[in-house]
């Protein structure tokens, strides 16, 4: 055998062994999840509406996944047969008076079937027998959603109460008393006096507006003082330092002459 052929055989064998290991691990994981090698039993139920349930959907018992839906058959316009394939070991816990409920995983989750009810003294259901389905489970879902909304509203109210709780009741009473006193005070004011006061305020506002308009538009000393640059330069020359102000120097010289005389 040539070395090249021997190398190819070794690589092929290693690849086959690797694929075999992957297949074995996959089968182990699948069997662990779905227990495909465990003994199965079938339970039937009849409904008028499958409510979007499909083949392969999960079957739960008391919150435990025990199987799946193996088939859905339409037998008439108002009769649909749903076959549930469940693990045989759980069959002893499912009673003949148990019922099947339609459930949804979350708000927008997949549909599944839940086996509920059953009295302890009732005999267990046998493989091939039929259980009653509760087709009004949507109402229960709405009730549960309403309970969730009430629970959220209750938490909100508790938070509001925790915020408002520290406020002193005496302080609230004082604030309300002050508001009531202020209301009575405003109510007791003579409307004529109130109108006279408002007229006086309006007149003062108009007068102030006229003064500001006169200052802005002129004529007048105030307008020139603010808007005339020559007046600004004259004031600057007048109020400058003694050595730089000719006007002040003139007044100083005249004052000295008068003192000597």
C-alpha atoms as a PDB file:
ATOM      1  CA  UNK A   1       0.000   0.000   0.000  1.00  0.00           C
ATOM      2  CA  UNK A   2       1.302   3.359  -0.970  1.00  0.00           C
ATOM      3  CA  UNK A   3       1.878   5.952   1.770  1.00  0.00           C
ATOM      4  CA  UNK A   4      -0.603   8.311   0.089  1.00  0.00           C
ATOM      5  CA  UNK A   5      -3.371   5.673   0.213  1.00  0.00           C
ATOM      6  CA  UNK A   6      -2.618   4.895   3.832  1.00  0.00           C
ATOM      7  CA  UNK A   7      -2.843   8.578   4.731  1.00  0.00           C
ATOM      8  CA  UNK A   8      -6.201   8.923   2.933  1.00  0.00           C
ATOM      9  CA  UNK A   9      -7.617   5.896   4.774  1.00  0.00           C
ATOM     10  CA  UNK A  10      -6.531   7.337   8.129  1.00  0.00           C
ATOM     11  CA  UNK A  11      -8.097  10.733   7.365  1.00  0.00           C
ATOM     12  CA  UNK A  12     -11.322   9.097   6.174  1.00  0.00           C
ATOM     13  CA  UNK A  13     -11.511   6.949   9.291  1.00  0.00           C
ATOM     14  CA  UNK A  14     -10.894   9.923  11.574  1.00  0.00           C
ATOM     15  CA  UNK A  15     -13.607  11.898   9.778  1.00  0.00           C
ATOM     16  CA  UNK A  16     -16.095   9.024  10.118  1.00  0.00           C
ATOM     17  CA  UNK A  17     -15.300   8.667  13.822  1.00  0.00           C
ATOM     18  CA  UNK A  18     -15.777  12.413  14.322  1.00  0.00           C
ATOM     19  CA  UNK A  19     -19.161  12.378  12.559  1.00  0.00           C
ATOM     20  CA  UNK A  20     -20.218   9.354  14.612  1.00  0.00           C
ATOM     21  CA  UNK A  21     -19.356  11.163  17.843  1.00  0.00           C
ATOM     22  CA  UNK A  22     -21.271  14.289  16.759  1.00  0.00           C
ATOM     23  CA  UNK A  23     -24.297  12.161  15.842  1.00  0.00           C
ATOM     24  CA  UNK A  24     -24.167  10.311  19.159  1.00  0.00           C
ATOM     25  CA  UNK A  25     -23.960  13.541  21.157  1.00  0.00           C
ATOM     26  CA  UNK A  26     -26.830  15.064  19.159  1.00  0.00           C
ATOM     27  CA  UNK A  27     -29.019  11.996  19.717  1.00  0.00           C
ATOM     28  CA  UNK A  28     -28.198  12.073  23.415  1.00  0.00           C
ATOM     29  CA  UNK A  29     -29.146  15.727  23.751  1.00  0.00           C
ATOM     30  CA  UNK A  30     -32.337  15.272  21.730  1.00  0.00           C
ATOM     31  CA  UNK A  31     -33.355  12.204  23.708  1.00  0.00           C
ATOM     32  CA  UNK A  32     -32.616  14.032  26.954  1.00  0.00           C
ATOM     33  CA  UNK A  33     -34.804  16.948  25.888  1.00  0.00           C
ATOM     34  CA  UNK A  34     -37.686  15.030  24.310  1.00  0.00           C
ATOM     35  CA  UNK A  35     -37.120  11.566  25.773  1.00  0.00           C
ATOM     36  CA  UNK A  36     -37.650   9.943  22.377  1.00  0.00           C
ATOM     37  CA  UNK A  37     -36.682   6.521  23.711  1.00  0.00           C
ATOM     38  CA  UNK A  38     -39.173   6.553  26.594  1.00  0.00           C
ATOM     39  CA  UNK A  39     -42.540   4.787  26.427  1.00  0.00           C
ATOM     40  CA  UNK A  40     -45.342   6.965  25.078  1.00  0.00           C
ATOM     41  CA  UNK A  41     -49.098   6.988  25.551  1.00  0.00           C
ATOM     42  CA  UNK A  42     -51.782   8.808  23.614  1.00  0.00           C
ATOM     43  CA  UNK A  43     -54.667  10.919  24.889  1.00  0.00           C
ATOM     44  CA  UNK A  44     -57.321  12.443  22.652  1.00  0.00           C
ATOM     45  CA  UNK A  45     -59.448  15.527  22.933  1.00  0.00           C
ATOM     46  CA  UNK A  46     -62.070  17.099  20.656  1.00  0.00           C
ATOM     47  CA  UNK A  47     -62.577  20.817  20.083  1.00  0.00           C
ATOM     48  CA  UNK A  48     -64.502  23.064  17.706  1.00  0.00           C
ATOM     49  CA  UNK A  49     -61.549  25.456  17.262  1.00  0.00           C
ATOM     50  CA  UNK A  50     -57.860  24.541  17.447  1.00  0.00           C
ATOM     51  CA  UNK A  51     -56.957  28.134  18.512  1.00  0.00           C
ATOM     52  CA  UNK A  52     -53.730  28.212  16.464  1.00  0.00           C
ATOM     53  CA  UNK A  53     -52.352  25.081  18.144  1.00  0.00           C
ATOM     54  CA  UNK A  54     -50.175  22.972  15.823  1.00  0.00           C
ATOM     55  CA  UNK A  55     -48.500  19.601  15.579  1.00  0.00           C
ATOM     56  CA  UNK A  56     -45.430  19.478  17.795  1.00  0.00           C
ATOM     57  CA  UNK A  57     -46.779  21.982  20.333  1.00  0.00           C
ATOM     58  CA  UNK A  58     -45.898  21.141  23.913  1.00  0.00           C
ATOM     59  CA  UNK A  59     -48.161  19.373  26.390  1.00  0.00           C
ATOM     60  CA  UNK A  60     -47.751  20.313  30.056  1.00  0.00           C
ATOM     61  CA  UNK A  61     -49.069  18.742  33.239  1.00  0.00           C
ATOM     62  CA  UNK A  62     -48.993  20.911  36.369  1.00  0.00           C
ATOM     63  CA  UNK A  63     -46.366  23.099  34.687  1.00  0.00           C
ATOM     64  CA  UNK A  64     -44.184  20.124  33.608  1.00  0.00           C
ATOM     65  CA  UNK A  65     -43.632  19.293  29.948  1.00  0.00           C
ATOM     66  CA  UNK A  66     -44.710  15.675  29.499  1.00  0.00           C
ATOM     67  CA  UNK A  67     -45.160  15.406  25.744  1.00  0.00           C
ATOM     68  CA  UNK A  68     -46.328  17.052  22.551  1.00  0.00           C
ATOM     69  CA  UNK A  69     -49.180  17.079  20.050  1.00  0.00           C
ATOM     70  CA  UNK A  70     -48.710  14.256  17.556  1.00  0.00           C
ATOM     71  CA  UNK A  71     -51.612  14.994  15.195  1.00  0.00           C
ATOM     72  CA  UNK A  72     -54.527  17.341  14.484  1.00  0.00           C
ATOM     73  CA  UNK A  73     -57.377  15.973  12.366  1.00  0.00           C
ATOM     74  CA  UNK A  74     -60.506  17.771  11.146  1.00  0.00           C
ATOM     75  CA  UNK A  75     -63.427  15.358  11.394  1.00  0.00           C
ATOM     76  CA  UNK A  76     -66.266  17.806  10.688  1.00  0.00           C
ATOM     77  CA  UNK A  77     -66.985  21.531  10.582  1.00  0.00           C
ATOM     78  CA  UNK A  78     -67.423  21.645  14.363  1.00  0.00           C
ATOM     79  CA  UNK A  79     -65.194  18.766  15.437  1.00  0.00           C
ATOM     80  CA  UNK A  80     -61.389  18.671  15.466  1.00  0.00           C
ATOM     81  CA  UNK A  81     -59.496  15.743  16.951  1.00  0.00           C
ATOM     82  CA  UNK A  82     -56.228  16.539  18.732  1.00  0.00           C
ATOM     83  CA  UNK A  83     -53.967  13.648  19.712  1.00  0.00           C
ATOM     84  CA  UNK A  84     -51.576  14.185  22.617  1.00  0.00           C
ATOM     85  CA  UNK A  85     -48.505  11.971  22.931  1.00  0.00           C
ATOM     86  CA  UNK A  86     -47.340  11.972  26.557  1.00  0.00           C
ATOM     87  CA  UNK A  87     -44.784  10.037  28.565  1.00  0.00           C
ATOM     88  CA  UNK A  88     -46.314   6.895  30.003  1.00  0.00           C
ATOM     89  CA  UNK A  89     -44.847   7.454  33.468  1.00  0.00           C
ATOM     90  CA  UNK A  90     -47.043  10.548  33.948  1.00  0.00           C
ATOM     91  CA  UNK A  91     -50.231   8.791  32.887  1.00  0.00           C
ATOM     92  CA  UNK A  92     -50.973   7.616  36.436  1.00  0.00           C
ATOM     93  CA  UNK A  93     -51.217  11.233  37.634  1.00  0.00           C
ATOM     94  CA  UNK A  94     -53.680  12.290  34.940  1.00  0.00           C
ATOM     95  CA  UNK A  95     -57.219  11.579  36.143  1.00  0.00           C
ATOM     96  CA  UNK A  96     -60.259  10.795  34.017  1.00  0.00           C
ATOM     97  CA  UNK A  97     -61.920  14.011  35.237  1.00  0.00           C
ATOM     98  CA  UNK A  98     -58.926  16.158  34.278  1.00  0.00           C
ATOM     99  CA  UNK A  99     -59.370  18.689  31.491  1.00  0.00           C
ATOM    100  CA  UNK A 100     -57.172  20.270  28.822  1.00  0.00           C
ATOM    101  CA  UNK A 101     -56.611  24.022  28.711  1.00  0.00           C
ATOM    102  CA  UNK A 102     -55.190  26.183  25.911  1.00  0.00           C
ATOM    103  CA  UNK A 103     -52.281  28.303  27.098  1.00  0.00           C
ATOM    104  CA  UNK A 104     -49.843  30.825  25.614  1.00  0.00           C
ATOM    105  CA  UNK A 105     -46.175  31.235  26.522  1.00  0.00           C
ATOM    106  CA  UNK A 106     -46.010  34.946  27.314  1.00  0.00           C
ATOM    107  CA  UNK A 107     -48.092  37.596  25.574  1.00  0.00           C
ATOM    108  CA  UNK A 108     -47.050  36.686  22.006  1.00  0.00           C
ATOM    109  CA  UNK A 109     -45.570  33.232  22.658  1.00  0.00           C
ATOM    110  CA  UNK A 110     -46.372  29.831  21.200  1.00  0.00           C
ATOM    111  CA  UNK A 111     -49.550  27.985  22.082  1.00  0.00           C
ATOM    112  CA  UNK A 112     -49.422  24.828  24.173  1.00  0.00           C
ATOM    113  CA  UNK A 113     -51.814  22.550  26.044  1.00  0.00           C
ATOM    114  CA  UNK A 114     -51.975  22.234  29.814  1.00  0.00           C
ATOM    115  CA  UNK A 115     -53.614  19.272  31.563  1.00  0.00           C
ATOM    116  CA  UNK A 116     -55.307  20.479  34.746  1.00  0.00           C
ATOM    117  CA  UNK A 117     -57.787  19.386  37.379  1.00  0.00           C
ATOM    118  CA  UNK A 118     -58.694  15.915  38.470  1.00  0.00           C
ATOM    119  CA  UNK A 119     -59.621  14.581  41.888  1.00  0.00           C
ATOM    120  CA  UNK A 120     -57.211  12.498  43.915  1.00  0.00           C
ATOM    121  CA  UNK A 121     -59.708   9.649  44.313  1.00  0.00           C
ATOM    122  CA  UNK A 122     -60.542   9.526  40.585  1.00  0.00           C
ATOM    123  CA  UNK A 123     -59.001   6.717  38.504  1.00  0.00           C
ATOM    124  CA  UNK A 124     -56.146   7.583  36.137  1.00  0.00           C
ATOM    125  CA  UNK A 125     -56.783   7.975  32.442  1.00  0.00           C
ATOM    126  CA  UNK A 126     -55.724   5.155  30.146  1.00  0.00           C
ATOM    127  CA  UNK A 127     -53.884   5.367  26.859  1.00  0.00           C
ATOM    128  CA  UNK A 128     -56.324   6.031  24.024  1.00  0.00           C
ATOM    129  CA  UNK A 129     -58.981   7.655  26.228  1.00  0.00           C
ATOM    130  CA  UNK A 130     -60.394  11.154  25.806  1.00  0.00           C
ATOM    131  CA  UNK A 131     -60.229  14.222  28.027  1.00  0.00           C
ATOM    132  CA  UNK A 132     -62.503  17.254  27.868  1.00  0.00           C
ATOM    133  CA  UNK A 133     -60.987  20.483  26.512  1.00  0.00           C
ATOM    134  CA  UNK A 134     -61.720  23.886  28.009  1.00  0.00           C
ATOM    135  CA  UNK A 135     -62.231  26.086  24.956  1.00  0.00           C
ATOM    136  CA  UNK A 136     -63.047  29.205  27.005  1.00  0.00           C
ATOM    137  CA  UNK A 137     -59.507  29.561  28.326  1.00  0.00           C
ATOM    138  CA  UNK A 138     -59.097  32.923  26.546  1.00  0.00           C
ATOM    139  CA  UNK A 139     -61.438  34.419  29.128  1.00  0.00           C
ATOM    140  CA  UNK A 140     -59.150  33.147  31.852  1.00  0.00           C
ATOM    141  CA  UNK A 141     -56.242  34.771  30.041  1.00  0.00           C
ATOM    142  CA  UNK A 142     -58.024  38.115  30.007  1.00  0.00           C
ATOM    143  CA  UNK A 143     -58.785  37.713  33.700  1.00  0.00           C
ATOM    144  CA  UNK A 144     -55.113  37.007  34.398  1.00  0.00           C
ATOM    145  CA  UNK A 145     -54.102  40.077  32.396  1.00  0.00           C
ATOM    146  CA  UNK A 146     -56.612  42.124  34.389  1.00  0.00           C
ATOM    147  CA  UNK A 147     -55.068  40.825  37.595  1.00  0.00           C
ATOM    148  CA  UNK A 148     -51.625  41.844  36.316  1.00  0.00           C
ATOM    149  CA  UNK A 149     -52.915  45.360  35.558  1.00  0.00           C
ATOM    150  CA  UNK A 150     -54.431  45.622  39.034  1.00  0.00           C
ATOM    151  CA  UNK A 151     -51.148  44.465  40.533  1.00  0.00           C
ATOM    152  CA  UNK A 152     -49.223  47.170  38.639  1.00  0.00           C
ATOM    153  CA  UNK A 153     -51.772  49.809  39.664  1.00  0.00           C
ATOM    154  CA  UNK A 154     -51.443  48.701  43.282  1.00  0.00           C
ATOM    155  CA  UNK A 155     -47.653  49.099  43.132  1.00  0.00           C
ATOM    156  CA  UNK A 156     -48.037  52.594  41.664  1.00  0.00           C
ATOM    157  CA  UNK A 157     -50.433  53.585  44.441  1.00  0.00           C
ATOM    158  CA  UNK A 158     -48.030  52.236  47.051  1.00  0.00           C
ATOM    159  CA  UNK A 159     -45.209  54.364  45.581  1.00  0.00           C
ATOM    160  CA  UNK A 160     -47.431  57.454  45.616  1.00  0.00           C
ATOM    161  CA  UNK A 161     -48.352  56.727  49.221  1.00  0.00           C
ATOM    162  CA  UNK A 162     -44.680  56.341  50.154  1.00  0.00           C
ATOM    163  CA  UNK A 163     -43.964  59.755  48.580  1.00  0.00           C
ATOM    164  CA  UNK A 164     -46.905  61.540  50.159  1.00  0.00           C
ATOM    165  CA  UNK A 165     -46.600  59.758  53.496  1.00  0.00           C
ATOM    166  CA  UNK A 166     -43.799  61.907  54.981  1.00  0.00           C
ATOM    167  CA  UNK A 167     -45.838  65.110  54.445  1.00  0.00           C
ATOM    168  CA  UNK A 168     -47.073  66.385  57.813  1.00  0.00           C
ATOM    169  CA  UNK A 169     -50.862  66.499  58.066  1.00  0.00           C
ATOM    170  CA  UNK A 170     -50.659  69.679  60.171  1.00  0.00           C
ATOM    171  CA  UNK A 171     -48.649  71.368  57.425  1.00  0.00           C
ATOM    172  CA  UNK A 172     -51.275  70.452  54.833  1.00  0.00           C
ATOM    173  CA  UNK A 173     -53.974  71.888  57.099  1.00  0.00           C
ATOM    174  CA  UNK A 174     -51.971  75.117  57.511  1.00  0.00           C
ATOM    175  CA  UNK A 175     -51.565  75.464  53.737  1.00  0.00           C
ATOM    176  CA  UNK A 176     -55.285  74.954  53.201  1.00  0.00           C
ATOM    177  CA  UNK A 177     -56.106  77.509  55.927  1.00  0.00           C
ATOM    178  CA  UNK A 178     -53.788  80.068  54.292  1.00  0.00           C
ATOM    179  CA  UNK A 179     -55.447  79.512  50.927  1.00  0.00           C
ATOM    180  CA  UNK A 180     -58.854  79.969  52.490  1.00  0.00           C
ATOM    181  CA  UNK A 181     -57.732  83.186  54.232  1.00  0.00           C
ATOM    182  CA  UNK A 182     -56.311  84.566  50.982  1.00  0.00           C
ATOM    183  CA  UNK A 183     -59.567  83.759  49.204  1.00  0.00           C
ATOM    184  CA  UNK A 184     -61.609  85.570  51.862  1.00  0.00           C
ATOM    185  CA  UNK A 185     -59.268  88.586  51.679  1.00  0.00           C
ATOM    186  CA  UNK A 186     -59.662  88.930  47.930  1.00  0.00           C
ATOM    187  CA  UNK A 187     -63.406  88.480  48.245  1.00  0.00           C
ATOM    188  CA  UNK A 188     -63.667  91.280  50.844  1.00  0.00           C
ATOM    189  CA  UNK A 189     -61.930  93.889  48.642  1.00  0.00           C
ATOM    190  CA  UNK A 190     -64.288  96.607  47.379  1.00  0.00           C
ATOM    191  CA  UNK A 191     -64.552  96.235  43.586  1.00  0.00           C
ATOM    192  CA  UNK A 192     -64.519 100.048  43.164  1.00  0.00           C
ATOM    193  CA  UNK A 193     -61.267 100.374  45.108  1.00  0.00           C
ATOM    194  CA  UNK A 194     -59.786  97.484  43.190  1.00  0.00           C
ATOM    195  CA  UNK A 195     -60.736  99.081  39.865  1.00  0.00           C
ATOM    196  CA  UNK A 196     -59.333 102.431  41.039  1.00  0.00           C
ATOM    197  CA  UNK A 197     -56.057 100.777  42.002  1.00  0.00           C
ATOM    198  CA  UNK A 198     -55.848  99.009  38.654  1.00  0.00           C
ATOM    199  CA  UNK A 199     -56.556 102.299  36.829  1.00  0.00           C
ATOM    200  CA  UNK A 200     -53.773 104.006  38.809  1.00  0.00           C
ATOM    201  CA  UNK A 201     -51.348 101.247  37.904  1.00  0.00           C
ATOM    202  CA  UNK A 202     -52.331 101.494  34.244  1.00  0.00           C
ATOM    203  CA  UNK A 203     -51.892 105.296  34.293  1.00  0.00           C
ATOM    204  CA  UNK A 204     -48.471 104.991  35.923  1.00  0.00           C
ATOM    205  CA  UNK A 205     -47.464 102.430  33.310  1.00  0.00           C
ATOM    206  CA  UNK A 206     -48.566 104.745  30.499  1.00  0.00           C
ATOM    207  CA  UNK A 207     -46.691 107.700  32.021  1.00  0.00           C
ATOM    208  CA  UNK A 208     -43.542 105.639  32.400  1.00  0.00           C
ATOM    209  CA  UNK A 209     -43.932 104.485  28.813  1.00  0.00           C
ATOM    210  CA  UNK A 210     -44.232 108.090  27.608  1.00  0.00           C
ATOM    211  CA  UNK A 211     -41.108 109.104  29.541  1.00  0.00           C
ATOM    212  CA  UNK A 212     -39.102 106.212  28.116  1.00  0.00           C
ATOM    213  CA  UNK A 213     -40.366 107.014  24.609  1.00  0.00           C
ATOM    214  CA  UNK A 214     -39.341 110.688  25.034  1.00  0.00           C
ATOM    215  CA  UNK A 215     -35.887 109.665  26.227  1.00  0.00           C
ATOM    216  CA  UNK A 216     -35.471 107.288  23.288  1.00  0.00           C
ATOM    217  CA  UNK A 217     -36.851 109.506  20.512  1.00  0.00           C
ATOM    218  CA  UNK A 218     -35.978 112.979  21.895  1.00  0.00           C
ATOM    219  CA  UNK A 219     -35.675 115.849  22.003  1.00  0.00           C
ATOM    220  CA  UNK A 220     -34.294 116.618  25.442  1.00  0.00           C
ATOM    221  CA  UNK A 221     -31.190 116.513  27.608  1.00  0.00           C
ATOM    222  CA  UNK A 222     -31.750 112.910  28.650  1.00  0.00           C
ATOM    223  CA  UNK A 223     -31.935 111.822  25.001  1.00  0.00           C
ATOM    224  CA  UNK A 224     -28.775 113.793  24.137  1.00  0.00           C
ATOM    225  CA  UNK A 225     -26.966 112.425  27.189  1.00  0.00           C
ATOM    226  CA  UNK A 226     -27.609 108.852  26.059  1.00  0.00           C
ATOM    227  CA  UNK A 227     -27.623 109.035  22.253  1.00  0.00           C
ATOM    228  CA  UNK A 228     -25.493 112.161  21.340  1.00  0.00           C
ATOM    229  CA  UNK A 229     -21.774 111.210  21.110  1.00  0.00           C
ATOM    230  CA  UNK A 230     -20.651 114.885  21.374  1.00  0.00           C
ATOM    231  CA  UNK A 231     -22.224 115.173  24.824  1.00  0.00           C
ATOM    232  CA  UNK A 232     -20.408 112.001  25.815  1.00  0.00           C
ATOM    233  CA  UNK A 233     -17.080 113.461  24.658  1.00  0.00           C
ATOM    234  CA  UNK A 234     -17.764 116.741  26.509  1.00  0.00           C
ATOM    235  CA  UNK A 235     -18.458 114.873  29.739  1.00  0.00           C
ATOM    236  CA  UNK A 236     -15.362 112.781  29.205  1.00  0.00           C
ATOM    237  CA  UNK A 237     -13.272 115.936  28.716  1.00  0.00           C
ATOM    238  CA  UNK A 238     -14.862 117.577  31.754  1.00  0.00           C
ATOM    239  CA  UNK A 239     -14.414 114.601  34.059  1.00  0.00           C
ATOM    240  CA  UNK A 240     -10.937 113.619  32.827  1.00  0.00           C
ATOM    241  CA  UNK A 241      -7.700 114.010  34.815  1.00  0.00           C
ATOM    242  CA  UNK A 242      -6.682 117.556  35.841  1.00  0.00           C
ATOM    243  CA  UNK A 243      -3.625 117.500  33.582  1.00  0.00           C
ATOM    244  CA  UNK A 244      -5.728 116.421  30.534  1.00  0.00           C
ATOM    245  CA  UNK A 245      -8.808 118.585  31.084  1.00  0.00           C
ATOM    246  CA  UNK A 246      -8.473 122.090  29.687  1.00  0.00           C
ATOM    247  CA  UNK A 247     -11.736 123.161  31.250  1.00  0.00           C
ATOM    248  CA  UNK A 248     -10.650 122.170  34.742  1.00  0.00           C
ATOM    249  CA  UNK A 249      -7.276 123.828  34.231  1.00  0.00           C
ATOM    250  CA  UNK A 250      -9.039 127.054  33.287  1.00  0.00           C
ATOM    251  CA  UNK A 251     -11.271 126.935  36.372  1.00  0.00           C
ATOM    252  CA  UNK A 252      -8.273 126.204  38.613  1.00  0.00           C
ATOM    253  CA  UNK A 253      -6.349 129.183  37.259  1.00  0.00           C
ATOM    254  CA  UNK A 254      -9.316 131.501  37.715  1.00  0.00           C
ATOM    255  CA  UNK A 255      -9.818 130.245  41.256  1.00  0.00           C
ATOM    256  CA  UNK A 256      -6.158 130.941  42.117  1.00  0.00           C
ATOM    257  CA  UNK A 257      -6.395 134.454  40.692  1.00  0.00           C
ATOM    258  CA  UNK A 258      -9.497 135.218  42.728  1.00  0.00           C
ATOM    259  CA  UNK A 259      -7.768 133.946  45.873  1.00  0.00           C
ATOM    260  CA  UNK A 260      -4.756 136.205  45.344  1.00  0.00           C
ATOM    261  CA  UNK A 261      -6.960 139.236  44.797  1.00  0.00           C
END
